[in-house]
Amino acid sequence: MENIFPEGSVVYPKVNPTLKLVVRRFVKRVYYCTIQATPSQKELVFFERELMSEPATLL
């Protein structure tokens, strides 16, 4: 189990690349993230394949 995105990293979900997330925790190949703009909201859970390190550019 390799952790590509360390805790505190800013990541973007592939389904909504405008949403900026912060990795809070990595456990058993699952990333627990909070929304950077509203950290008090519920955490979002993603697998590594659902995240990217940079937002997608719109053409």
C-alpha atoms as a PDB file:
ATOM      1  CA  MET A   1       0.000   0.000   0.000  1.00  0.00           C
ATOM      2  CA  GLU A   2       1.708   3.100  -1.229  1.00  0.00           C
ATOM      3  CA  ASN A   3       0.385   6.498  -0.244  1.00  0.00           C
ATOM      4  CA  ILE A   4       0.785   8.760  -3.281  1.00  0.00           C
ATOM      5  CA  PHE A   5      -0.978  11.751  -1.688  1.00  0.00           C
ATOM      6  CA  PRO A   6       0.396  12.421   1.824  1.00  0.00           C
ATOM      7  CA  GLU A   7      -1.733  13.961   4.549  1.00  0.00           C
ATOM      8  CA  GLY A   8      -2.248  17.682   3.968  1.00  0.00           C
ATOM      9  CA  SER A   9      -1.934  17.399   0.180  1.00  0.00           C
ATOM     10  CA  VAL A  10      -4.323  19.346  -2.022  1.00  0.00           C
ATOM     11  CA  VAL A  11      -6.084  17.055  -4.502  1.00  0.00           C
ATOM     12  CA  TYR A  12      -8.986  17.234  -6.946  1.00  0.00           C
ATOM     13  CA  PRO A  13     -11.646  14.602  -7.656  1.00  0.00           C
ATOM     14  CA  LYS A  14     -11.840  13.467 -11.276  1.00  0.00           C
ATOM     15  CA  VAL A  15     -15.643  13.771 -11.301  1.00  0.00           C
ATOM     16  CA  ASN A  16     -15.566  17.413 -10.122  1.00  0.00           C
ATOM     17  CA  PRO A  17     -12.113  18.879 -10.859  1.00  0.00           C
ATOM     18  CA  THR A  18     -13.084  22.370  -9.639  1.00  0.00           C
ATOM     19  CA  LEU A  19     -13.488  21.093  -6.066  1.00  0.00           C
ATOM     20  CA  LYS A  20     -10.310  21.543  -4.019  1.00  0.00           C
ATOM     21  CA  LEU A  21      -9.817  18.883  -1.344  1.00  0.00           C
ATOM     22  CA  VAL A  22      -7.282  18.375   1.421  1.00  0.00           C
ATOM     23  CA  VAL A  23      -6.210  14.833   2.302  1.00  0.00           C
ATOM     24  CA  ARG A  24      -6.841  14.344   5.989  1.00  0.00           C
ATOM     25  CA  ARG A  25      -6.082  10.646   6.315  1.00  0.00           C
ATOM     26  CA  PHE A  26      -5.064   7.573   4.308  1.00  0.00           C
ATOM     27  CA  VAL A  27      -6.177   4.170   5.601  1.00  0.00           C
ATOM     28  CA  LYS A  28      -6.270   0.838   3.746  1.00  0.00           C
ATOM     29  CA  ARG A  29      -6.025   2.394   0.266  1.00  0.00           C
ATOM     30  CA  VAL A  30      -8.813   4.910   0.995  1.00  0.00           C
ATOM     31  CA  TYR A  31      -8.332   8.695   1.183  1.00  0.00           C
ATOM     32  CA  TYR A  32     -10.424  10.707   3.615  1.00  0.00           C
ATOM     33  CA  CYS A  33     -10.620  14.296   2.399  1.00  0.00           C
ATOM     34  CA  THR A  34     -12.184  17.556   3.501  1.00  0.00           C
ATOM     35  CA  ILE A  35     -13.297  20.353   1.217  1.00  0.00           C
ATOM     36  CA  GLN A  36     -10.716  23.124   1.522  1.00  0.00           C
ATOM     37  CA  ALA A  37     -13.276  25.959   1.450  1.00  0.00           C
ATOM     38  CA  THR A  38     -15.521  24.371   4.106  1.00  0.00           C
ATOM     39  CA  PRO A  39     -13.502  22.017   6.336  1.00  0.00           C
ATOM     40  CA  SER A  40     -16.341  21.686   8.872  1.00  0.00           C
ATOM     41  CA  GLN A  41     -18.501  19.732   6.397  1.00  0.00           C
ATOM     42  CA  LYS A  42     -18.542  15.938   6.268  1.00  0.00           C
ATOM     43  CA  GLU A  43     -15.467  14.195   4.949  1.00  0.00           C
ATOM     44  CA  LEU A  44     -15.459  12.766   1.462  1.00  0.00           C
ATOM     45  CA  VAL A  45     -13.986   9.336   0.780  1.00  0.00           C
ATOM     46  CA  PHE A  46     -12.070   8.432  -2.386  1.00  0.00           C
ATOM     47  CA  PHE A  47      -9.908   5.701  -3.822  1.00  0.00           C
ATOM     48  CA  GLU A  48      -6.587   6.771  -5.321  1.00  0.00           C
ATOM     49  CA  ARG A  49      -7.842   6.276  -8.888  1.00  0.00           C
ATOM     50  CA  GLU A  50     -10.596   8.857  -8.257  1.00  0.00           C
ATOM     51  CA  LEU A  51      -8.184  11.673  -7.361  1.00  0.00           C
ATOM     52  CA  MET A  52      -5.658  13.788  -9.253  1.00  0.00           C
ATOM     53  CA  SER A  53      -2.958  16.131  -7.989  1.00  0.00           C
ATOM     54  CA  GLU A  54      -3.714  19.008 -10.377  1.00  0.00           C
ATOM     55  CA  PRO A  55      -7.045  20.285 -11.650  1.00  0.00           C
ATOM     56  CA  ALA A  56      -8.037  19.396 -15.188  1.00  0.00           C
ATOM     57  CA  THR A  57      -7.596  22.232 -17.632  1.00  0.00           C
ATOM     58  CA  LEU A  58     -10.599  23.269 -19.638  1.00  0.00           C
ATOM     59  CA  LEU A  59     -10.020  23.677 -23.364  1.00  0.00           C
END
